Amino acid sequence: MIRDTIFREIYRSYLADIYALAGRNDEAIALISGLLKSRFRFTPVTPIMLRLAPTWDLLREDPRFQALLKEYPAEVRLR
């Protein structure tokens, strides 16, 4: 069960990558938003990765992507 959840989250993140690279912003942003809202914390899509990953460069000017960046600030916590 956990393995299925992990693979589903990874699959959804890869699909968001593909949509972003293909210029299908609506689908990419919908998947990214869903991954960020997921209660399951094992996901390659995190607030910090939204800012760092070059995959999202094509989405950076989209107002919906900008809204996600504001909604999910990237906080780095050092212990």
PDB file of N, CA and C in Angstrom:
ATOM      1  N   MET A   1       0.819  -1.190   0.000  1.00  0.00           N
ATOM      2  CA  MET A   1       0.000   0.000   0.000  1.00  0.00           C
ATOM      3  C   MET A   1       0.865   1.257   0.000  1.00  0.00           C
ATOM      4  N   ILE A   2       1.847   1.340   0.876  1.00  0.00           N
ATOM      5  CA  ILE A   2       2.722   2.508   0.903  1.00  0.00           C
ATOM      6  C   ILE A   2       3.520   2.582  -0.392  1.00  0.00           C
ATOM      7  N   ARG A   3       3.971   1.429  -0.886  1.00  0.00           N
ATOM      8  CA  ARG A   3       4.722   1.411  -2.137  1.00  0.00           C
ATOM      9  C   ARG A   3       3.885   1.977  -3.275  1.00  0.00           C
ATOM     10  N   ASP A   4       2.607   1.636  -3.333  1.00  0.00           N
ATOM     11  CA  ASP A   4       1.721   2.167  -4.373  1.00  0.00           C
ATOM     12  C   ASP A   4       1.589   3.681  -4.261  1.00  0.00           C
ATOM     13  N   THR A   5       1.492   4.173  -3.049  1.00  0.00           N
ATOM     14  CA  THR A   5       1.384   5.613  -2.831  1.00  0.00           C
ATOM     15  C   THR A   5       2.660   6.323  -3.271  1.00  0.00           C
ATOM     16  N   ILE A   6       3.799   5.748  -2.932  1.00  0.00           N
ATOM     17  CA  ILE A   6       5.075   6.343  -3.338  1.00  0.00           C
ATOM     18  C   ILE A   6       5.170   6.405  -4.856  1.00  0.00           C
ATOM     19  N   PHE A   7       4.877   5.286  -5.513  1.00  0.00           N
ATOM     20  CA  PHE A   7       4.957   5.255  -6.980  1.00  0.00           C
ATOM     21  C   PHE A   7       3.953   6.207  -7.618  1.00  0.00           C
ATOM     22  N   ARG A   8       2.776   6.324  -7.032  1.00  0.00           N
ATOM     23  CA  ARG A   8       1.769   7.241  -7.574  1.00  0.00           C
ATOM     24  C   ARG A   8       2.267   8.687  -7.499  1.00  0.00           C
ATOM     25  N   GLU A   9       2.857   9.064  -6.363  1.00  0.00           N
ATOM     26  CA  GLU A   9       3.371  10.422  -6.203  1.00  0.00           C
ATOM     27  C   GLU A   9       4.526  10.689  -7.168  1.00  0.00           C
ATOM     28  N   ILE A  10       5.407   9.730  -7.331  1.00  0.00           N
ATOM     29  CA  ILE A  10       6.518   9.890  -8.276  1.00  0.00           C
ATOM     30  C   ILE A  10       5.993   9.999  -9.699  1.00  0.00           C
ATOM     31  N   TYR A  11       5.053   9.144 -10.057  1.00  0.00           N
ATOM     32  CA  TYR A  11       4.451   9.195 -11.389  1.00  0.00           C
ATOM     33  C   TYR A  11       3.811  10.554 -11.648  1.00  0.00           C
ATOM     34  N   ARG A  12       3.062  11.058 -10.681  1.00  0.00           N
ATOM     35  CA  ARG A  12       2.399  12.360 -10.844  1.00  0.00           C
ATOM     36  C   ARG A  12       3.425  13.483 -10.995  1.00  0.00           C
ATOM     37  N   SER A  13       4.544  13.406 -10.280  1.00  0.00           N
ATOM     38  CA  SER A  13       5.568  14.450 -10.412  1.00  0.00           C
ATOM     39  C   SER A  13       6.235  14.384 -11.784  1.00  0.00           C
ATOM     40  N   TYR A  14       6.493  13.176 -12.290  1.00  0.00           N
ATOM     41  CA  TYR A  14       7.054  13.043 -13.639  1.00  0.00           C
ATOM     42  C   TYR A  14       6.074  13.554 -14.687  1.00  0.00           C
ATOM     43  N   LEU A  15       4.812  13.270 -14.491  1.00  0.00           N
ATOM     44  CA  LEU A  15       3.797  13.731 -15.427  1.00  0.00           C
ATOM     45  C   LEU A  15       3.721  15.258 -15.422  1.00  0.00           C
ATOM     46  N   ALA A  16       3.841  15.866 -14.253  1.00  0.00           N
ATOM     47  CA  ALA A  16       3.868  17.333 -14.173  1.00  0.00           C
ATOM     48  C   ALA A  16       5.081  17.882 -14.921  1.00  0.00           C
ATOM     49  N   ASP A  17       6.232  17.217 -14.790  1.00  0.00           N
ATOM     50  CA  ASP A  17       7.436  17.616 -15.539  1.00  0.00           C
ATOM     51  C   ASP A  17       7.171  17.589 -17.042  1.00  0.00           C
ATOM     52  N   ILE A  18       6.581  16.508 -17.506  1.00  0.00           N
ATOM     53  CA  ILE A  18       6.309  16.350 -18.936  1.00  0.00           C
ATOM     54  C   ILE A  18       5.339  17.414 -19.424  1.00  0.00           C
ATOM     55  N   TYR A  19       4.278  17.641 -18.671  1.00  0.00           N
ATOM     56  CA  TYR A  19       3.318  18.677 -19.049  1.00  0.00           C
ATOM     57  C   TYR A  19       3.993  20.052 -19.115  1.00  0.00           C
ATOM     58  N   ALA A  20       4.841  20.358 -18.151  1.00  0.00           N
ATOM     59  CA  ALA A  20       5.520  21.655 -18.140  1.00  0.00           C
ATOM     60  C   ALA A  20       6.425  21.794 -19.360  1.00  0.00           C
ATOM     61  N   LEU A  21       7.171  20.762 -19.665  1.00  0.00           N
ATOM     62  CA  LEU A  21       8.077  20.807 -20.810  1.00  0.00           C
ATOM     63  C   LEU A  21       7.326  20.866 -22.137  1.00  0.00           C
ATOM     64  N   ALA A  22       6.120  20.322 -22.160  1.00  0.00           N
ATOM     65  CA  ALA A  22       5.310  20.323 -23.381  1.00  0.00           C
ATOM     66  C   ALA A  22       4.487  21.605 -23.521  1.00  0.00           C
ATOM     67  N   GLY A  23       4.583  22.481 -22.546  1.00  0.00           N
ATOM     68  CA  GLY A  23       3.834  23.731 -22.602  1.00  0.00           C
ATOM     69  C   GLY A  23       2.383  23.608 -22.188  1.00  0.00           C
ATOM     70  N   ARG A  24       2.045  22.523 -21.536  1.00  0.00           N
ATOM     71  CA  ARG A  24       0.669  22.310 -21.066  1.00  0.00           C
ATOM     72  C   ARG A  24       0.572  22.767 -19.614  1.00  0.00           C
ATOM     73  N   ASN A  25       0.603  24.080 -19.450  1.00  0.00           N
ATOM     74  CA  ASN A  25       0.666  24.685 -18.123  1.00  0.00           C
ATOM     75  C   ASN A  25      -0.516  24.326 -17.245  1.00  0.00           C
ATOM     76  N   ASP A  26      -1.711  24.279 -17.810  1.00  0.00           N
ATOM     77  CA  ASP A  26      -2.897  23.971 -17.002  1.00  0.00           C
ATOM     78  C   ASP A  26      -2.742  22.637 -16.280  1.00  0.00           C
ATOM     79  N   GLU A  27      -2.362  21.620 -17.036  1.00  0.00           N
ATOM     80  CA  GLU A  27      -2.226  20.282 -16.456  1.00  0.00           C
ATOM     81  C   GLU A  27      -1.060  20.222 -15.467  1.00  0.00           C
ATOM     82  N   ALA A  28       0.059  20.848 -15.828  1.00  0.00           N
ATOM     83  CA  ALA A  28       1.237  20.823 -14.951  1.00  0.00           C
ATOM     84  C   ALA A  28       0.936  21.491 -13.618  1.00  0.00           C
ATOM     85  N   ILE A  29       0.331  22.658 -13.668  1.00  0.00           N
ATOM     86  CA  ILE A  29       0.061  23.393 -12.428  1.00  0.00           C
ATOM     87  C   ILE A  29      -0.987  22.675 -11.581  1.00  0.00           C
ATOM     88  N   ALA A  30      -1.962  22.060 -12.214  1.00  0.00           N
ATOM     89  CA  ALA A  30      -2.957  21.289 -11.455  1.00  0.00           C
ATOM     90  C   ALA A  30      -2.290  20.130 -10.716  1.00  0.00           C
ATOM     91  N   LEU A  31      -1.376  19.426 -11.379  1.00  0.00           N
ATOM     92  CA  LEU A  31      -0.676  18.316 -10.721  1.00  0.00           C
ATOM     93  C   LEU A  31       0.236  18.819  -9.609  1.00  0.00           C
ATOM     94  N   ILE A  32       0.963  19.895  -9.861  1.00  0.00           N
ATOM     95  CA  ILE A  32       1.849  20.458  -8.845  1.00  0.00           C
ATOM     96  C   ILE A  32       1.043  20.862  -7.614  1.00  0.00           C
ATOM     97  N   SER A  33      -0.064  21.525  -7.836  1.00  0.00           N
ATOM     98  CA  SER A  33      -0.914  21.949  -6.732  1.00  0.00           C
ATOM     99  C   SER A  33      -1.397  20.747  -5.924  1.00  0.00           C
ATOM    100  N   GLY A  34      -1.823  19.709  -6.614  1.00  0.00           N
ATOM    101  CA  GLY A  34      -2.268  18.498  -5.928  1.00  0.00           C
ATOM    102  C   GLY A  34      -1.158  17.835  -5.132  1.00  0.00           C
ATOM    103  N   LEU A  35       0.040  17.814  -5.691  1.00  0.00           N
ATOM    104  CA  LEU A  35       1.165  17.217  -4.974  1.00  0.00           C
ATOM    105  C   LEU A  35       1.539  18.019  -3.736  1.00  0.00           C
ATOM    106  N   LEU A  36       1.456  19.327  -3.837  1.00  0.00           N
ATOM    107  CA  LEU A  36       1.782  20.157  -2.680  1.00  0.00           C
ATOM    108  C   LEU A  36       0.736  20.019  -1.576  1.00  0.00           C
ATOM    109  N   LYS A  37      -0.499  19.743  -1.945  1.00  0.00           N
ATOM    110  CA  LYS A  37      -1.571  19.595  -0.964  1.00  0.00           C
ATOM    111  C   LYS A  37      -1.657  18.182  -0.389  1.00  0.00           C
ATOM    112  N   SER A  38      -0.939  17.261  -0.986  1.00  0.00           N
ATOM    113  CA  SER A  38      -0.989  15.871  -0.560  1.00  0.00           C
ATOM    114  C   SER A  38      -0.569  15.721   0.895  1.00  0.00           C
ATOM    115  N   ARG A  39      -1.281  14.867   1.612  1.00  0.00           N
ATOM    116  CA  ARG A  39      -0.924  14.585   3.004  1.00  0.00           C
ATOM    117  C   ARG A  39       0.293  13.666   3.080  1.00  0.00           C
ATOM    118  N   PHE A  40       0.555  12.959   2.003  1.00  0.00           N
ATOM    119  CA  PHE A  40       1.710  12.071   1.955  1.00  0.00           C
ATOM    120  C   PHE A  40       2.947  12.901   1.654  1.00  0.00           C
ATOM    121  N   ARG A  41       3.909  12.898   2.516  1.00  0.00           N
ATOM    122  CA  ARG A  41       5.035  13.819   2.412  1.00  0.00           C
ATOM    123  C   ARG A  41       6.183  13.325   1.544  1.00  0.00           C
ATOM    124  N   PHE A  42       6.098  12.120   1.001  1.00  0.00           N
ATOM    125  CA  PHE A  42       7.156  11.659   0.115  1.00  0.00           C
ATOM    126  C   PHE A  42       6.795  12.067  -1.303  1.00  0.00           C
ATOM    127  N   THR A  43       7.243  13.223  -1.692  1.00  0.00           N
ATOM    128  CA  THR A  43       6.984  13.704  -3.040  1.00  0.00           C
ATOM    129  C   THR A  43       8.168  14.535  -3.495  1.00  0.00           C
ATOM    130  N   PRO A  44       8.571  14.375  -4.744  1.00  0.00           N
ATOM    131  CA  PRO A  44       9.689  15.172  -5.257  1.00  0.00           C
ATOM    132  C   PRO A  44       9.316  16.635  -5.473  1.00  0.00           C
ATOM    133  N   VAL A  45       8.034  16.966  -5.400  1.00  0.00           N
ATOM    134  CA  VAL A  45       7.605  18.349  -5.583  1.00  0.00           C
ATOM    135  C   VAL A  45       7.429  18.985  -4.206  1.00  0.00           C
ATOM    136  N   THR A  46       8.337  19.858  -3.877  1.00  0.00           N
ATOM    137  CA  THR A  46       8.308  20.568  -2.607  1.00  0.00           C
ATOM    138  C   THR A  46       8.416  22.066  -2.891  1.00  0.00           C
ATOM    139  N   PRO A  47       8.067  22.898  -1.931  1.00  0.00           N
ATOM    140  CA  PRO A  47       8.186  24.340  -2.162  1.00  0.00           C
ATOM    141  C   PRO A  47       9.590  24.776  -2.575  1.00  0.00           C
ATOM    142  N   ILE A  48      10.610  24.183  -1.980  1.00  0.00           N
ATOM    143  CA  ILE A  48      11.974  24.580  -2.346  1.00  0.00           C
ATOM    144  C   ILE A  48      12.309  24.129  -3.768  1.00  0.00           C
ATOM    145  N   MET A  49      11.815  22.954  -4.172  1.00  0.00           N
ATOM    146  CA  MET A  49      12.089  22.476  -5.531  1.00  0.00           C
ATOM    147  C   MET A  49      11.350  23.299  -6.586  1.00  0.00           C
ATOM    148  N   LEU A  50      10.226  23.896  -6.217  1.00  0.00           N
ATOM    149  CA  LEU A  50       9.546  24.776  -7.165  1.00  0.00           C
ATOM    150  C   LEU A  50      10.441  25.949  -7.536  1.00  0.00           C
ATOM    151  N   ARG A  51      11.268  26.358  -6.602  1.00  0.00           N
ATOM    152  CA  ARG A  51      12.140  27.505  -6.846  1.00  0.00           C
ATOM    153  C   ARG A  51      13.453  27.118  -7.504  1.00  0.00           C
ATOM    154  N   LEU A  52      13.908  25.881  -7.312  1.00  0.00           N
ATOM    155  CA  LEU A  52      15.239  25.483  -7.772  1.00  0.00           C
ATOM    156  C   LEU A  52      15.269  24.664  -9.056  1.00  0.00           C
ATOM    157  N   ALA A  53      14.291  23.809  -9.247  1.00  0.00           N
ATOM    158  CA  ALA A  53      14.344  22.869 -10.373  1.00  0.00           C
ATOM    159  C   ALA A  53      14.172  23.581 -11.709  1.00  0.00           C
ATOM    160  N   PRO A  54      15.078  23.360 -12.644  1.00  0.00           N
ATOM    161  CA  PRO A  54      14.973  24.002 -13.959  1.00  0.00           C
ATOM    162  C   PRO A  54      13.761  23.527 -14.762  1.00  0.00           C
ATOM    163  N   THR A  55      13.181  22.412 -14.368  1.00  0.00           N
ATOM    164  CA  THR A  55      11.989  21.907 -15.060  1.00  0.00           C
ATOM    165  C   THR A  55      10.877  22.939 -15.058  1.00  0.00           C
ATOM    166  N   TRP A  56      10.791  23.700 -13.990  1.00  0.00           N
ATOM    167  CA  TRP A  56       9.685  24.639 -13.832  1.00  0.00           C
ATOM    168  C   TRP A  56       9.971  26.006 -14.455  1.00  0.00           C
ATOM    169  N   ASP A  57      11.116  26.185 -15.103  1.00  0.00           N
ATOM    170  CA  ASP A  57      11.455  27.481 -15.707  1.00  0.00           C
ATOM    171  C   ASP A  57      10.388  27.966 -16.681  1.00  0.00           C
ATOM    172  N   LEU A  58       9.794  27.050 -17.419  1.00  0.00           N
ATOM    173  CA  LEU A  58       8.781  27.434 -18.400  1.00  0.00           C
ATOM    174  C   LEU A  58       7.480  27.900 -17.750  1.00  0.00           C
ATOM    175  N   LEU A  59       7.298  27.576 -16.476  1.00  0.00           N
ATOM    176  CA  LEU A  59       6.070  27.960 -15.765  1.00  0.00           C
ATOM    177  C   LEU A  59       6.244  29.211 -14.909  1.00  0.00           C
ATOM    178  N   ARG A  60       7.439  29.660 -14.722  1.00  0.00           N
ATOM    179  CA  ARG A  60       7.720  30.719 -13.746  1.00  0.00           C
ATOM    180  C   ARG A  60       6.949  32.009 -13.977  1.00  0.00           C
ATOM    181  N   GLU A  61       6.640  32.344 -15.209  1.00  0.00           N
ATOM    182  CA  GLU A  61       5.916  33.590 -15.504  1.00  0.00           C
ATOM    183  C   GLU A  61       4.397  33.438 -15.394  1.00  0.00           C
ATOM    184  N   ASP A  62       3.923  32.207 -15.268  1.00  0.00           N
ATOM    185  CA  ASP A  62       2.483  31.959 -15.177  1.00  0.00           C
ATOM    186  C   ASP A  62       1.969  32.452 -13.821  1.00  0.00           C
ATOM    187  N   PRO A  63       0.918  33.274 -13.811  1.00  0.00           N
ATOM    188  CA  PRO A  63       0.395  33.799 -12.536  1.00  0.00           C
ATOM    189  C   PRO A  63      -0.048  32.712 -11.561  1.00  0.00           C
ATOM    190  N   ARG A  64      -0.531  31.590 -12.074  1.00  0.00           N
ATOM    191  CA  ARG A  64      -0.948  30.496 -11.182  1.00  0.00           C
ATOM    192  C   ARG A  64       0.256  29.861 -10.501  1.00  0.00           C
ATOM    193  N   PHE A  65       1.367  29.760 -11.225  1.00  0.00           N
ATOM    194  CA  PHE A  65       2.596  29.237 -10.629  1.00  0.00           C
ATOM    195  C   PHE A  65       3.114  30.215  -9.571  1.00  0.00           C
ATOM    196  N   GLN A  66       3.063  31.502  -9.880  1.00  0.00           N
ATOM    197  CA  GLN A  66       3.466  32.524  -8.918  1.00  0.00           C
ATOM    198  C   GLN A  66       2.609  32.445  -7.648  1.00  0.00           C
ATOM    199  N   ALA A  67       1.314  32.176  -7.825  1.00  0.00           N
ATOM    200  CA  ALA A  67       0.420  32.027  -6.671  1.00  0.00           C
ATOM    201  C   ALA A  67       0.823  30.833  -5.809  1.00  0.00           C
ATOM    202  N   LEU A  68       1.247  29.730  -6.452  1.00  0.00           N
ATOM    203  CA  LEU A  68       1.710  28.563  -5.689  1.00  0.00           C
ATOM    204  C   LEU A  68       2.961  28.907  -4.892  1.00  0.00           C
ATOM    205  N   LEU A  69       3.857  29.688  -5.495  1.00  0.00           N
ATOM    206  CA  LEU A  69       5.078  30.078  -4.785  1.00  0.00           C
ATOM    207  C   LEU A  69       4.750  30.911  -3.548  1.00  0.00           C
ATOM    208  N   LYS A  70       3.732  31.760  -3.656  1.00  0.00           N
ATOM    209  CA  LYS A  70       3.338  32.578  -2.510  1.00  0.00           C
ATOM    210  C   LYS A  70       2.604  31.757  -1.458  1.00  0.00           C
ATOM    211  N   GLU A  71       1.797  30.803  -1.929  1.00  0.00           N
ATOM    212  CA  GLU A  71       1.018  29.978  -1.000  1.00  0.00           C
ATOM    213  C   GLU A  71       1.901  29.012  -0.209  1.00  0.00           C
ATOM    214  N   TYR A  72       2.966  28.539  -0.847  1.00  0.00           N
ATOM    215  CA  TYR A  72       3.871  27.575  -0.216  1.00  0.00           C
ATOM    216  C   TYR A  72       5.277  28.163  -0.148  1.00  0.00           C
ATOM    217  N   PRO A  73       5.552  28.978   0.853  1.00  0.00           N
ATOM    218  CA  PRO A  73       6.894  29.566   0.954  1.00  0.00           C
ATOM    219  C   PRO A  73       7.929  28.488   1.250  1.00  0.00           C
ATOM    220  N   ALA A  74       9.110  28.696   0.737  1.00  0.00           N
ATOM    221  CA  ALA A  74      10.196  27.731   0.941  1.00  0.00           C
ATOM    222  C   ALA A  74      10.971  28.142   2.176  1.00  0.00           C
ATOM    223  N   GLU A  75      10.721  27.442   3.243  1.00  0.00           N
ATOM    224  CA  GLU A  75      11.417  27.712   4.482  1.00  0.00           C
ATOM    225  C   GLU A  75      12.478  26.652   4.693  1.00  0.00           C
ATOM    226  N   VAL A  76      13.642  27.089   5.005  1.00  0.00           N
ATOM    227  CA  VAL A  76      14.717  26.159   5.308  1.00  0.00           C
ATOM    228  C   VAL A  76      14.921  26.181   6.813  1.00  0.00           C
ATOM    229  N   ARG A  77      14.775  25.042   7.404  1.00  0.00           N
ATOM    230  CA  ARG A  77      14.930  24.949   8.853  1.00  0.00           C
ATOM    231  C   ARG A  77      16.225  24.192   9.167  1.00  0.00           C
ATOM    232  N   LEU A  78      17.081  24.840   9.850  1.00  0.00           N
ATOM    233  CA  LEU A  78      18.334  24.222  10.253  1.00  0.00           C
ATOM    234  C   LEU A  78      18.234  23.831  11.717  1.00  0.00           C
ATOM    235  N   ARG A  79      18.746  22.679  12.025  1.00  0.00           N
ATOM    236  CA  ARG A  79      18.699  22.219  13.413  1.00  0.00           C
ATOM    237  C   ARG A  79      20.006  22.465  14.084  1.00  0.00           C
TER     238      ARG A  79
END
